[in-house]
Amino acid sequence: MEVNEVKFTPLDYVFVRETMEVFIGWINEKLKDPKYDKIKLAAESHILFETIHPFKDGNGRAGRILLSFILIGCGYVNIAIKGTQKYDRDKYYKAMENGDDQFEIMLRKIEQGEKPTTKTINNYALKSNVTLLDEIVLNRLKDGLNRLSRKEFVEMNQEAVVSLRDAAKFFNYSQDYLRKLINTKKLPAEKKGKLWYIRIRDLEKYIKNLSEE
C-alpha cells in the first residue's frame, strides 16, 4: 500500500485487535518508565501505529493525535508533525520510511503465527531507525515553545488583524508561504495598499485544520 508517498504493507486485519491491545500495553509500560525517552516513545508509537494501520480510513489523523496525546501527557505541547511546507512534509515521509522497516518485519512474523508481546515490540523498537522523526518532533516542540514564550503571541486577540510580516514573525512561517495560502484561497486576507493583512483567528483555524488532516 502507498499512503501519502510512504510505501508499506499494513497488518492483516485478522491480527489487528490483539496487536493493538499489546501495543497499548507497551505504550503504558514505557510511559511508566522514568528512564525511557518520552519524545522517542512518541516517535516510535507514531510509526508503529501507522505501520499497523488499524482502521479503514483516518489512520494518519489518528496516529498524529496519538503522538500529540503522548507528548501532552508527558508535559509537552501539541504539534503539527507534518509541518506546513513541502520540504517539511517530504522530510516527514522520509522519516516514516526510515522507521517502519523493523516494524514491518515484526508484523509479518505476527501474521505467520508469532504472538505479539510488549517485549517483542520493545525489541523491534530498539532496532528501528526513528532518529529523523525524533528530530522532527523535537524541532516542532521547540517551535511551539518559542511561540508560546513570546509575550506578543500570548496577549494577541484572536480577532486582531495583523500584517503578513507580523503574522510570519509570530507563527514562524515565511511571508511567501502565507502569500501562497492567500493566493490559493486557503487563508482569508485583505489587501490595504501594497500590504496583505490577515486575522489571527483565520490563521489559527488553518493551523488547527492542518494538524488534523
N, C-alpha and C. Protein backbone atom coordinates (compact mmCIF):
# COMPACT_ATOMS: atom_id res chain seq x y z
N MET A 1 0.85 -1.19 0.00
CA MET A 1 0.00 0.00 0.00
C MET A 1 0.88 1.24 0.00
N GLU A 2 0.41 2.30 -0.69
CA GLU A 2 1.14 3.56 -0.70
C GLU A 2 0.23 4.64 -0.17
N VAL A 3 0.58 5.23 0.97
CA VAL A 3 -0.23 6.25 1.60
C VAL A 3 0.60 7.50 1.78
N ASN A 4 0.17 8.61 1.09
CA ASN A 4 0.91 9.87 1.23
C ASN A 4 2.41 9.69 0.99
N GLU A 5 2.76 8.93 -0.06
CA GLU A 5 4.14 8.75 -0.50
C GLU A 5 4.94 7.81 0.40
N VAL A 6 4.31 7.14 1.35
CA VAL A 6 5.01 6.17 2.18
C VAL A 6 4.51 4.78 1.81
N LYS A 7 5.42 3.90 1.38
CA LYS A 7 5.03 2.56 0.96
C LYS A 7 5.22 1.57 2.11
N PHE A 8 4.18 0.78 2.37
CA PHE A 8 4.26 -0.21 3.43
C PHE A 8 3.12 -1.21 3.25
N THR A 9 3.20 -2.32 3.98
CA THR A 9 2.14 -3.33 3.96
C THR A 9 1.51 -3.37 5.35
N PRO A 10 0.26 -2.94 5.49
CA PRO A 10 -0.39 -2.93 6.81
C PRO A 10 -0.55 -4.35 7.35
N LEU A 11 -0.79 -4.43 8.64
CA LEU A 11 -1.04 -5.71 9.27
C LEU A 11 -2.37 -6.28 8.81
N ASP A 12 -2.40 -7.57 8.53
CA ASP A 12 -3.65 -8.24 8.17
C ASP A 12 -4.69 -7.99 9.26
N TYR A 13 -5.90 -7.60 8.86
CA TYR A 13 -6.92 -7.18 9.82
C TYR A 13 -7.23 -8.25 10.87
N VAL A 14 -7.00 -9.52 10.55
CA VAL A 14 -7.28 -10.61 11.49
C VAL A 14 -6.46 -10.45 12.77
N PHE A 15 -5.28 -9.86 12.66
CA PHE A 15 -4.36 -9.77 13.80
C PHE A 15 -4.36 -8.39 14.45
N VAL A 16 -5.19 -7.47 13.93
CA VAL A 16 -5.14 -6.08 14.39
C VAL A 16 -5.56 -5.94 15.85
N ARG A 17 -6.67 -6.53 16.24
CA ARG A 17 -7.19 -6.33 17.60
C ARG A 17 -6.18 -6.75 18.66
N GLU A 18 -5.65 -7.97 18.54
CA GLU A 18 -4.71 -8.47 19.54
C GLU A 18 -3.44 -7.62 19.55
N THR A 19 -2.94 -7.26 18.37
CA THR A 19 -1.70 -6.49 18.28
C THR A 19 -1.89 -5.10 18.87
N MET A 20 -3.02 -4.47 18.62
CA MET A 20 -3.28 -3.13 19.17
C MET A 20 -3.38 -3.17 20.69
N GLU A 21 -3.97 -4.23 21.23
CA GLU A 21 -4.05 -4.34 22.69
C GLU A 21 -2.66 -4.43 23.31
N VAL A 22 -1.78 -5.20 22.66
CA VAL A 22 -0.41 -5.33 23.15
C VAL A 22 0.34 -4.01 22.95
N PHE A 23 0.09 -3.36 21.83
CA PHE A 23 0.71 -2.07 21.52
C PHE A 23 0.38 -1.04 22.60
N ILE A 24 -0.89 -0.96 22.98
CA ILE A 24 -1.31 -0.04 24.04
C ILE A 24 -0.63 -0.40 25.37
N GLY A 25 -0.53 -1.69 25.63
CA GLY A 25 0.15 -2.13 26.85
C GLY A 25 1.61 -1.72 26.85
N TRP A 26 2.25 -1.80 25.69
CA TRP A 26 3.67 -1.40 25.57
C TRP A 26 3.82 0.10 25.83
N ILE A 27 2.93 0.91 25.25
CA ILE A 27 2.99 2.36 25.48
C ILE A 27 2.86 2.66 26.97
N ASN A 28 1.90 2.02 27.63
CA ASN A 28 1.71 2.26 29.06
C ASN A 28 2.94 1.88 29.88
N GLU A 29 3.57 0.76 29.51
CA GLU A 29 4.80 0.36 30.20
C GLU A 29 5.87 1.43 30.08
N LYS A 30 6.05 1.95 28.87
CA LYS A 30 7.11 2.94 28.64
C LYS A 30 6.78 4.29 29.27
N LEU A 31 5.50 4.62 29.33
CA LEU A 31 5.12 5.87 29.99
C LEU A 31 5.45 5.84 31.48
N LYS A 32 5.39 4.64 32.06
CA LYS A 32 5.68 4.49 33.49
C LYS A 32 7.18 4.38 33.77
N ASP A 33 7.96 4.18 32.74
CA ASP A 33 9.41 4.03 32.90
C ASP A 33 10.07 5.40 32.90
N PRO A 34 10.56 5.88 34.03
CA PRO A 34 11.14 7.23 34.10
C PRO A 34 12.40 7.40 33.26
N LYS A 35 13.03 6.29 32.90
CA LYS A 35 14.28 6.37 32.14
C LYS A 35 14.06 6.37 30.63
N TYR A 36 12.83 6.08 30.21
CA TYR A 36 12.58 5.97 28.78
C TYR A 36 12.30 7.35 28.19
N ASP A 37 12.99 7.69 27.12
CA ASP A 37 12.86 8.98 26.46
C ASP A 37 11.44 9.11 25.89
N LYS A 38 10.65 10.05 26.40
CA LYS A 38 9.25 10.16 26.02
C LYS A 38 9.07 10.74 24.61
N ILE A 39 10.00 11.56 24.15
CA ILE A 39 9.92 12.06 22.78
C ILE A 39 10.18 10.92 21.81
N LYS A 40 11.15 10.08 22.14
CA LYS A 40 11.42 8.89 21.33
C LYS A 40 10.21 7.96 21.34
N LEU A 41 9.58 7.81 22.50
CA LEU A 41 8.40 6.96 22.60
C LEU A 41 7.29 7.46 21.69
N ALA A 42 7.08 8.78 21.67
CA ALA A 42 6.05 9.36 20.80
C ALA A 42 6.35 9.05 19.34
N ALA A 43 7.62 9.18 18.95
CA ALA A 43 8.02 8.91 17.56
C ALA A 43 7.83 7.43 17.22
N GLU A 44 8.29 6.55 18.09
CA GLU A 44 8.16 5.11 17.87
C GLU A 44 6.70 4.70 17.77
N SER A 45 5.88 5.22 18.68
CA SER A 45 4.47 4.87 18.71
C SER A 45 3.76 5.32 17.43
N HIS A 46 4.12 6.51 16.97
CA HIS A 46 3.50 7.04 15.75
C HIS A 46 3.83 6.15 14.55
N ILE A 47 5.09 5.79 14.41
CA ILE A 47 5.50 4.95 13.28
C ILE A 47 4.83 3.58 13.35
N LEU A 48 4.82 2.97 14.52
CA LEU A 48 4.22 1.64 14.64
C LEU A 48 2.72 1.69 14.38
N PHE A 49 2.04 2.69 14.90
CA PHE A 49 0.60 2.82 14.67
C PHE A 49 0.32 2.91 13.17
N GLU A 50 1.07 3.77 12.48
CA GLU A 50 0.83 3.94 11.04
C GLU A 50 1.16 2.67 10.27
N THR A 51 2.14 1.90 10.73
CA THR A 51 2.51 0.66 10.05
C THR A 51 1.45 -0.42 10.27
N ILE A 52 0.91 -0.49 11.46
CA ILE A 52 -0.20 -1.42 11.73
C ILE A 52 -1.40 -1.03 10.89
N HIS A 53 -1.68 0.28 10.82
CA HIS A 53 -2.79 0.82 10.01
C HIS A 53 -4.11 0.13 10.39
N PRO A 54 -4.55 0.31 11.63
CA PRO A 54 -5.68 -0.48 12.14
C PRO A 54 -7.05 -0.13 11.56
N PHE A 55 -7.20 1.07 11.00
CA PHE A 55 -8.51 1.50 10.54
C PHE A 55 -8.60 1.53 9.01
N LYS A 56 -9.80 1.49 8.52
CA LYS A 56 -10.02 1.56 7.08
C LYS A 56 -9.67 2.94 6.55
N ASP A 57 -9.93 3.96 7.36
CA ASP A 57 -9.65 5.34 6.96
C ASP A 57 -9.30 6.14 8.20
N GLY A 58 -8.60 7.24 8.01
CA GLY A 58 -8.29 8.15 9.11
C GLY A 58 -7.10 7.77 9.95
N ASN A 59 -6.26 6.84 9.46
CA ASN A 59 -5.10 6.39 10.24
C ASN A 59 -4.06 7.50 10.45
N GLY A 60 -3.85 8.31 9.42
CA GLY A 60 -2.87 9.38 9.56
C GLY A 60 -3.27 10.36 10.65
N ARG A 61 -4.53 10.78 10.62
CA ARG A 61 -5.02 11.73 11.62
C ARG A 61 -4.98 11.11 13.01
N ALA A 62 -5.46 9.86 13.12
CA ALA A 62 -5.47 9.20 14.43
C ALA A 62 -4.06 9.02 14.97
N GLY A 63 -3.12 8.68 14.09
CA GLY A 63 -1.74 8.48 14.52
C GLY A 63 -1.10 9.76 15.01
N ARG A 64 -1.43 10.87 14.37
CA ARG A 64 -0.87 12.15 14.81
C ARG A 64 -1.52 12.63 16.11
N ILE A 65 -2.79 12.29 16.28
CA ILE A 65 -3.44 12.60 17.56
C ILE A 65 -2.79 11.79 18.68
N LEU A 66 -2.51 10.52 18.41
CA LEU A 66 -1.84 9.67 19.40
C LEU A 66 -0.48 10.25 19.78
N LEU A 67 0.28 10.69 18.78
CA LEU A 67 1.59 11.27 19.05
C LEU A 67 1.46 12.49 19.97
N SER A 68 0.55 13.39 19.63
CA SER A 68 0.38 14.58 20.46
C SER A 68 -0.19 14.24 21.83
N PHE A 69 -1.04 13.22 21.90
CA PHE A 69 -1.60 12.78 23.19
C PHE A 69 -0.48 12.35 24.13
N ILE A 70 0.48 11.60 23.59
CA ILE A 70 1.62 11.16 24.40
C ILE A 70 2.46 12.36 24.83
N LEU A 71 2.72 13.26 23.91
CA LEU A 71 3.53 14.43 24.24
C LEU A 71 2.86 15.30 25.31
N ILE A 72 1.58 15.57 25.13
CA ILE A 72 0.85 16.40 26.10
C ILE A 72 0.81 15.72 27.46
N GLY A 73 0.58 14.40 27.45
CA GLY A 73 0.54 13.66 28.71
C GLY A 73 1.87 13.67 29.45
N CYS A 74 2.95 13.90 28.71
CA CYS A 74 4.29 13.94 29.31
C CYS A 74 4.75 15.37 29.58
N GLY A 75 3.83 16.34 29.43
CA GLY A 75 4.15 17.72 29.78
C GLY A 75 4.64 18.58 28.64
N TYR A 76 4.54 18.09 27.41
CA TYR A 76 4.96 18.89 26.26
C TYR A 76 3.73 19.58 25.65
N VAL A 77 3.83 19.99 24.39
CA VAL A 77 2.73 20.69 23.74
C VAL A 77 2.31 19.94 22.48
N ASN A 78 1.13 20.26 22.00
CA ASN A 78 0.62 19.68 20.76
C ASN A 78 1.45 20.19 19.59
N ILE A 79 1.70 19.34 18.59
CA ILE A 79 2.49 19.76 17.43
C ILE A 79 1.82 19.32 16.13
N ALA A 80 2.13 20.04 15.04
CA ALA A 80 1.72 19.63 13.70
C ALA A 80 2.91 18.90 13.09
N ILE A 81 2.93 17.59 13.22
CA ILE A 81 4.11 16.80 12.92
C ILE A 81 4.54 16.86 11.45
N LYS A 82 3.58 17.00 10.53
CA LYS A 82 3.94 17.00 9.11
C LYS A 82 4.46 18.35 8.64
N GLY A 83 4.31 19.37 9.45
CA GLY A 83 4.75 20.69 9.03
C GLY A 83 3.79 21.30 8.03
N THR A 84 4.15 22.43 7.46
CA THR A 84 3.26 23.16 6.57
C THR A 84 3.78 23.30 5.15
N GLN A 85 5.07 23.13 4.94
CA GLN A 85 5.65 23.31 3.61
C GLN A 85 6.09 21.97 3.03
N LYS A 86 6.23 21.94 1.70
CA LYS A 86 6.55 20.68 1.02
C LYS A 86 7.83 20.06 1.56
N TYR A 87 8.84 20.86 1.83
CA TYR A 87 10.09 20.34 2.35
C TYR A 87 9.85 19.60 3.67
N ASP A 88 9.03 20.20 4.54
CA ASP A 88 8.74 19.58 5.83
C ASP A 88 7.99 18.27 5.67
N ARG A 89 7.03 18.25 4.75
CA ARG A 89 6.25 17.03 4.54
C ARG A 89 7.10 15.93 3.93
N ASP A 90 7.96 16.29 2.99
CA ASP A 90 8.86 15.29 2.40
C ASP A 90 9.77 14.69 3.46
N LYS A 91 10.25 15.55 4.36
CA LYS A 91 11.12 15.07 5.43
C LYS A 91 10.35 14.14 6.36
N TYR A 92 9.10 14.46 6.63
CA TYR A 92 8.25 13.62 7.47
C TYR A 92 8.06 12.24 6.84
N TYR A 93 7.73 12.21 5.54
CA TYR A 93 7.53 10.93 4.85
C TYR A 93 8.83 10.11 4.84
N LYS A 94 9.95 10.79 4.67
CA LYS A 94 11.24 10.10 4.70
C LYS A 94 11.48 9.48 6.08
N ALA A 95 11.14 10.22 7.12
CA ALA A 95 11.31 9.72 8.48
C ALA A 95 10.45 8.49 8.73
N MET A 96 9.24 8.49 8.20
CA MET A 96 8.36 7.35 8.34
C MET A 96 8.93 6.12 7.62
N GLU A 97 9.47 6.33 6.43
CA GLU A 97 10.07 5.23 5.69
C GLU A 97 11.29 4.68 6.40
N ASN A 98 12.09 5.57 6.98
CA ASN A 98 13.28 5.14 7.71
C ASN A 98 12.92 4.27 8.91
N GLY A 99 11.78 4.59 9.53
CA GLY A 99 11.46 3.94 10.79
C GLY A 99 10.59 2.71 10.73
N ASP A 100 9.97 2.43 9.57
CA ASP A 100 8.98 1.35 9.57
C ASP A 100 9.52 -0.02 9.18
N ASP A 101 10.77 -0.11 8.73
CA ASP A 101 11.30 -1.39 8.24
C ASP A 101 11.25 -2.50 9.29
N GLN A 102 11.77 -2.24 10.47
CA GLN A 102 11.81 -3.25 11.52
C GLN A 102 10.40 -3.61 11.99
N PHE A 103 9.53 -2.62 12.08
CA PHE A 103 8.16 -2.89 12.49
C PHE A 103 7.43 -3.75 11.46
N GLU A 104 7.74 -3.53 10.19
CA GLU A 104 7.12 -4.37 9.15
C GLU A 104 7.57 -5.82 9.30
N ILE A 105 8.83 -6.04 9.62
CA ILE A 105 9.32 -7.40 9.85
C ILE A 105 8.55 -8.04 11.00
N MET A 106 8.35 -7.27 12.06
CA MET A 106 7.61 -7.77 13.22
C MET A 106 6.18 -8.14 12.83
N LEU A 107 5.52 -7.30 12.05
CA LEU A 107 4.14 -7.56 11.67
C LEU A 107 4.02 -8.79 10.77
N ARG A 108 5.00 -8.99 9.90
CA ARG A 108 4.96 -10.19 9.04
C ARG A 108 5.09 -11.46 9.89
N LYS A 109 5.91 -11.38 10.95
CA LYS A 109 6.06 -12.54 11.83
C LYS A 109 4.78 -12.81 12.62
N ILE A 110 4.09 -11.75 12.99
CA ILE A 110 2.80 -11.91 13.68
C ILE A 110 1.82 -12.61 12.76
N GLU A 111 1.83 -12.23 11.50
CA GLU A 111 0.93 -12.85 10.52
C GLU A 111 1.28 -14.33 10.30
N GLN A 112 2.54 -14.67 10.57
CA GLN A 112 2.98 -16.06 10.41
C GLN A 112 2.75 -16.89 11.67
N GLY A 113 2.17 -16.27 12.70
CA GLY A 113 1.82 -17.04 13.89
C GLY A 113 2.55 -16.66 15.16
N GLU A 114 3.52 -15.72 15.08
CA GLU A 114 4.24 -15.32 16.29
C GLU A 114 3.35 -14.42 17.14
N LYS A 115 3.19 -14.74 18.40
CA LYS A 115 2.29 -13.99 19.28
C LYS A 115 2.93 -12.66 19.67
N PRO A 116 2.21 -11.55 19.51
CA PRO A 116 2.76 -10.25 19.87
C PRO A 116 2.86 -10.09 21.39
N THR A 117 3.96 -9.53 21.84
CA THR A 117 4.15 -9.23 23.26
C THR A 117 4.78 -7.85 23.39
N THR A 118 4.68 -7.27 24.57
CA THR A 118 5.32 -5.96 24.77
C THR A 118 6.83 -6.07 24.63
N LYS A 119 7.39 -7.21 25.01
CA LYS A 119 8.83 -7.42 24.87
C LYS A 119 9.23 -7.45 23.40
N THR A 120 8.41 -8.10 22.59
CA THR A 120 8.69 -8.15 21.15
C THR A 120 8.69 -6.75 20.56
N ILE A 121 7.65 -5.96 20.88
CA ILE A 121 7.57 -4.60 20.37
C ILE A 121 8.78 -3.80 20.81
N ASN A 122 9.17 -3.96 22.05
CA ASN A 122 10.32 -3.22 22.56
C ASN A 122 11.59 -3.58 21.81
N ASN A 123 11.78 -4.86 21.52
CA ASN A 123 12.97 -5.31 20.80
C ASN A 123 13.05 -4.69 19.42
N TYR A 124 11.92 -4.66 18.72
CA TYR A 124 11.91 -4.09 17.37
C TYR A 124 11.99 -2.57 17.40
N ALA A 125 11.42 -1.96 18.43
CA ALA A 125 11.53 -0.51 18.57
C ALA A 125 12.98 -0.09 18.75
N LEU A 126 13.73 -0.88 19.52
CA LEU A 126 15.14 -0.58 19.76
C LEU A 126 15.97 -0.67 18.48
N LYS A 127 15.52 -1.54 17.56
CA LYS A 127 16.25 -1.72 16.29
C LYS A 127 15.77 -0.77 15.19
N SER A 128 14.66 -0.08 15.42
CA SER A 128 14.09 0.81 14.41
C SER A 128 14.85 2.13 14.34
N ASN A 129 14.95 2.66 13.15
CA ASN A 129 15.64 3.93 12.95
C ASN A 129 14.64 5.08 13.03
N VAL A 130 14.45 5.59 14.23
CA VAL A 130 13.49 6.68 14.44
C VAL A 130 14.20 8.02 14.64
N THR A 131 15.48 8.06 14.33
CA THR A 131 16.28 9.27 14.58
C THR A 131 15.71 10.50 13.89
N LEU A 132 15.33 10.34 12.61
CA LEU A 132 14.84 11.50 11.86
C LEU A 132 13.50 11.99 12.39
N LEU A 133 12.58 11.07 12.70
CA LEU A 133 11.29 11.50 13.23
C LEU A 133 11.46 12.10 14.63
N ASP A 134 12.36 11.54 15.41
CA ASP A 134 12.66 12.08 16.74
C ASP A 134 13.15 13.53 16.61
N GLU A 135 13.98 13.77 15.61
CA GLU A 135 14.49 15.12 15.36
C GLU A 135 13.36 16.07 14.96
N ILE A 136 12.46 15.59 14.10
CA ILE A 136 11.33 16.41 13.66
C ILE A 136 10.45 16.77 14.85
N VAL A 137 10.13 15.79 15.68
CA VAL A 137 9.29 16.03 16.86
C VAL A 137 9.94 17.07 17.76
N LEU A 138 11.22 16.91 18.00
CA LEU A 138 11.94 17.84 18.88
C LEU A 138 11.91 19.26 18.32
N ASN A 139 12.14 19.39 17.01
CA ASN A 139 12.13 20.71 16.39
C ASN A 139 10.74 21.35 16.42
N ARG A 140 9.70 20.54 16.21
CA ARG A 140 8.34 21.07 16.28
C ARG A 140 8.01 21.54 17.70
N LEU A 141 8.49 20.78 18.68
CA LEU A 141 8.28 21.19 20.07
C LEU A 141 8.98 22.51 20.37
N LYS A 142 10.19 22.66 19.86
CA LYS A 142 10.93 23.90 20.07
C LYS A 142 10.19 25.08 19.43
N ASP A 143 9.66 24.86 18.22
CA ASP A 143 8.91 25.93 17.55
C ASP A 143 7.69 26.33 18.38
N GLY A 144 6.97 25.31 18.88
CA GLY A 144 5.78 25.57 19.66
C GLY A 144 6.08 26.32 20.95
N LEU A 145 7.15 25.91 21.62
CA LEU A 145 7.52 26.56 22.88
C LEU A 145 8.02 27.97 22.64
N ASN A 146 8.71 28.18 21.51
CA ASN A 146 9.17 29.53 21.19
C ASN A 146 8.00 30.47 20.97
N ARG A 147 6.95 29.98 20.29
CA ARG A 147 5.77 30.81 20.07
C ARG A 147 5.07 31.12 21.38
N LEU A 148 4.94 30.09 22.22
CA LEU A 148 4.23 30.29 23.49
C LEU A 148 4.98 31.22 24.43
N SER A 149 6.30 31.28 24.26
CA SER A 149 7.11 32.10 25.16
C SER A 149 7.10 33.57 24.78
N ARG A 150 6.54 33.88 23.61
CA ARG A 150 6.52 35.28 23.17
C ARG A 150 5.34 36.02 23.79
N LYS A 151 5.62 37.09 24.46
CA LYS A 151 4.58 37.85 25.14
C LYS A 151 3.54 38.34 24.14
N GLU A 152 4.01 38.79 22.94
CA GLU A 152 3.09 39.33 21.96
C GLU A 152 2.07 38.27 21.54
N PHE A 153 2.55 37.03 21.40
CA PHE A 153 1.68 35.94 20.94
C PHE A 153 0.64 35.60 22.00
N VAL A 154 1.08 35.54 23.24
CA VAL A 154 0.18 35.18 24.33
C VAL A 154 -0.92 36.21 24.49
N GLU A 155 -0.59 37.49 24.33
CA GLU A 155 -1.56 38.54 24.58
C GLU A 155 -2.38 38.90 23.35
N MET A 156 -2.10 38.30 22.20
CA MET A 156 -2.76 38.70 20.97
C MET A 156 -4.22 38.26 20.95
N ASN A 157 -5.09 39.18 20.59
CA ASN A 157 -6.51 38.91 20.45
C ASN A 157 -6.76 38.10 19.18
N GLN A 158 -7.63 37.08 19.29
CA GLN A 158 -7.93 36.25 18.13
C GLN A 158 -8.55 37.05 17.00
N GLU A 159 -9.20 38.16 17.32
CA GLU A 159 -9.85 38.97 16.29
C GLU A 159 -8.90 40.03 15.72
N ALA A 160 -7.68 40.08 16.24
CA ALA A 160 -6.73 41.08 15.77
C ALA A 160 -6.37 40.86 14.31
N VAL A 161 -6.24 41.96 13.58
CA VAL A 161 -5.83 41.92 12.18
C VAL A 161 -4.40 42.43 12.11
N VAL A 162 -3.51 41.62 11.55
CA VAL A 162 -2.09 41.97 11.51
C VAL A 162 -1.56 41.85 10.10
N SER A 163 -0.45 42.51 9.86
CA SER A 163 0.19 42.42 8.54
C SER A 163 0.79 41.03 8.35
N LEU A 164 1.02 40.70 7.10
CA LEU A 164 1.61 39.40 6.79
C LEU A 164 2.98 39.26 7.44
N ARG A 165 3.72 40.35 7.47
CA ARG A 165 5.06 40.33 8.09
C ARG A 165 4.99 39.97 9.56
N ASP A 166 4.04 40.58 10.30
CA ASP A 166 3.91 40.29 11.73
C ASP A 166 3.40 38.88 11.95
N ALA A 167 2.47 38.43 11.11
CA ALA A 167 1.95 37.07 11.24
C ALA A 167 3.06 36.05 11.03
N ALA A 168 3.91 36.31 10.04
CA ALA A 168 5.03 35.40 9.76
C ALA A 168 5.98 35.34 10.96
N LYS A 169 6.18 36.48 11.61
CA LYS A 169 7.09 36.52 12.77
C LYS A 169 6.49 35.76 13.95
N PHE A 170 5.22 35.99 14.23
CA PHE A 170 4.58 35.37 15.39
C PHE A 170 4.45 33.86 15.24
N PHE A 171 4.17 33.39 14.00
CA PHE A 171 3.87 31.98 13.79
C PHE A 171 5.01 31.19 13.15
N ASN A 172 6.17 31.84 12.96
CA ASN A 172 7.34 31.16 12.40
C ASN A 172 7.11 30.61 10.99
N TYR A 173 6.31 31.31 10.20
CA TYR A 173 6.12 30.96 8.79
C TYR A 173 6.77 32.03 7.93
N SER A 174 7.12 31.66 6.70
CA SER A 174 7.65 32.66 5.78
C SER A 174 6.49 33.45 5.18
N GLN A 175 6.77 34.71 4.79
CA GLN A 175 5.73 35.51 4.15
C GLN A 175 5.33 34.89 2.81
N ASP A 176 6.28 34.29 2.12
CA ASP A 176 5.98 33.64 0.83
C ASP A 176 4.97 32.52 1.03
N TYR A 177 5.15 31.74 2.11
CA TYR A 177 4.22 30.64 2.37
C TYR A 177 2.82 31.17 2.65
N LEU A 178 2.74 32.23 3.46
CA LEU A 178 1.44 32.81 3.78
C LEU A 178 0.78 33.41 2.53
N ARG A 179 1.58 34.03 1.65
CA ARG A 179 1.03 34.57 0.40
C ARG A 179 0.46 33.44 -0.46
N LYS A 180 1.14 32.30 -0.46
CA LYS A 180 0.65 31.15 -1.22
C LYS A 180 -0.70 30.69 -0.68
N LEU A 181 -0.86 30.68 0.64
CA LEU A 181 -2.14 30.31 1.23
C LEU A 181 -3.23 31.29 0.82
N ILE A 182 -2.88 32.56 0.78
CA ILE A 182 -3.85 33.58 0.36
C ILE A 182 -4.23 33.39 -1.10
N ASN A 183 -3.24 33.18 -1.97
CA ASN A 183 -3.48 33.04 -3.40
C ASN A 183 -4.29 31.79 -3.74
N THR A 184 -4.15 30.76 -2.91
CA THR A 184 -4.90 29.52 -3.15
C THR A 184 -6.21 29.47 -2.36
N LYS A 185 -6.60 30.61 -1.79
CA LYS A 185 -7.87 30.74 -1.07
C LYS A 185 -7.95 29.88 0.20
N LYS A 186 -6.81 29.53 0.76
CA LYS A 186 -6.80 28.74 1.98
C LYS A 186 -6.76 29.63 3.22
N LEU A 187 -6.45 30.90 3.02
CA LEU A 187 -6.35 31.82 4.14
C LEU A 187 -6.99 33.15 3.75
N PRO A 188 -8.09 33.54 4.39
CA PRO A 188 -8.73 34.83 4.09
C PRO A 188 -7.79 35.99 4.38
N ALA A 189 -7.82 37.00 3.52
CA ALA A 189 -6.93 38.15 3.71
C ALA A 189 -7.52 39.38 3.04
N GLU A 190 -7.01 40.53 3.44
CA GLU A 190 -7.45 41.79 2.86
C GLU A 190 -6.21 42.61 2.51
N LYS A 191 -6.22 43.17 1.31
CA LYS A 191 -5.06 43.95 0.88
C LYS A 191 -5.34 45.44 1.09
N LYS A 192 -4.42 46.10 1.78
CA LYS A 192 -4.50 47.53 2.01
C LYS A 192 -3.26 48.16 1.42
N GLY A 193 -3.45 48.86 0.31
CA GLY A 193 -2.29 49.38 -0.39
C GLY A 193 -1.51 48.23 -1.00
N LYS A 194 -0.24 48.12 -0.64
CA LYS A 194 0.60 47.04 -1.15
C LYS A 194 0.75 45.89 -0.15
N LEU A 195 0.12 46.03 1.02
CA LEU A 195 0.32 45.04 2.08
C LEU A 195 -0.92 44.18 2.30
N TRP A 196 -0.67 42.90 2.58
CA TRP A 196 -1.74 41.97 2.93
C TRP A 196 -1.90 41.95 4.45
N TYR A 197 -3.17 41.84 4.89
CA TYR A 197 -3.47 41.73 6.31
C TYR A 197 -4.37 40.50 6.54
N ILE A 198 -4.12 39.81 7.64
CA ILE A 198 -4.94 38.63 7.96
C ILE A 198 -5.39 38.70 9.41
N ARG A 199 -6.44 37.95 9.71
CA ARG A 199 -6.96 37.88 11.08
C ARG A 199 -6.32 36.68 11.78
N ILE A 200 -5.87 36.90 13.01
CA ILE A 200 -5.22 35.84 13.78
C ILE A 200 -6.10 34.59 13.86
N ARG A 201 -7.38 34.79 14.07
CA ARG A 201 -8.31 33.67 14.17
C ARG A 201 -8.27 32.78 12.92
N ASP A 202 -8.17 33.40 11.74
CA ASP A 202 -8.18 32.64 10.49
C ASP A 202 -6.91 31.79 10.34
N LEU A 203 -5.77 32.35 10.74
CA LEU A 203 -4.53 31.59 10.65
C LEU A 203 -4.52 30.47 11.68
N GLU A 204 -5.04 30.74 12.88
CA GLU A 204 -5.14 29.70 13.90
C GLU A 204 -6.02 28.56 13.40
N LYS A 205 -7.11 28.90 12.73
CA LYS A 205 -8.04 27.89 12.21
C LYS A 205 -7.34 27.04 11.15
N TYR A 206 -6.55 27.67 10.28
CA TYR A 206 -5.83 26.94 9.25
C TYR A 206 -4.84 25.95 9.89
N ILE A 207 -4.11 26.41 10.88
CA ILE A 207 -3.12 25.57 11.56
C ILE A 207 -3.80 24.38 12.25
N LYS A 208 -4.94 24.63 12.88
CA LYS A 208 -5.67 23.58 13.56
C LYS A 208 -6.16 22.53 12.56
N ASN A 209 -6.72 22.97 11.43
CA ASN A 209 -7.19 22.04 10.41
C ASN A 209 -6.04 21.23 9.82
N LEU A 210 -4.88 21.89 9.66
CA LEU A 210 -3.72 21.21 9.10
C LEU A 210 -3.25 20.09 10.02
N SER A 211 -3.26 20.33 11.32
CA SER A 211 -2.80 19.33 12.29
C SER A 211 -3.74 18.14 12.36
N GLU A 212 -4.99 18.33 11.91
CA GLU A 212 -5.98 17.26 12.00
C GLU A 212 -6.13 16.48 10.69
N GLU A 213 -5.40 16.89 9.64
CA GLU A 213 -5.51 16.21 8.35
C GLU A 213 -5.02 14.77 8.44
